[in-house]
Amino acid sequence: MVVGQREMNKVVKIPYEQLSPGALQGVIEEFITREGTEYGGKIFSLEQKVSQIRGQLESGKAIITYDEETGTCNIISTEKLKKGVQK
C-alpha cells in the first residue's frame, strides 16, 4: 500500500529507545507473530526473530510507527519508508 502525505500525517515515528524493555519486546513479538510477516524460506525461532528485528531497530534499518487512526504499531524498514510504502 502506498502511503500518501495525508496518511503519513497520521503515522508517528516512535523511537525504540523511548519504550520500556517490556513494551519494546511486546511490539516486536506482536509484529513477528502478525499474519503475513515473512522471513523467506528459512525457519527461525521467536528469539532469533526478536534479535533480528531488535538489531534492525538499533542499526536504524527499521523504525517503529504508530498509526493514530487505527491505534496500531508497525515496524517498517527505513528503505520502505523512504519509498513511501508502509507494510
Foldseek 3Di string as FASTA:
>chain_A
DFADPVQVVQKAWDQLVPDDPVVSLVLQLCQVPDPPDDDPPDDDDSVVSSVVLVVCSVVQQWTWMAGNVVRHIYIDGVVCVVVRDDD
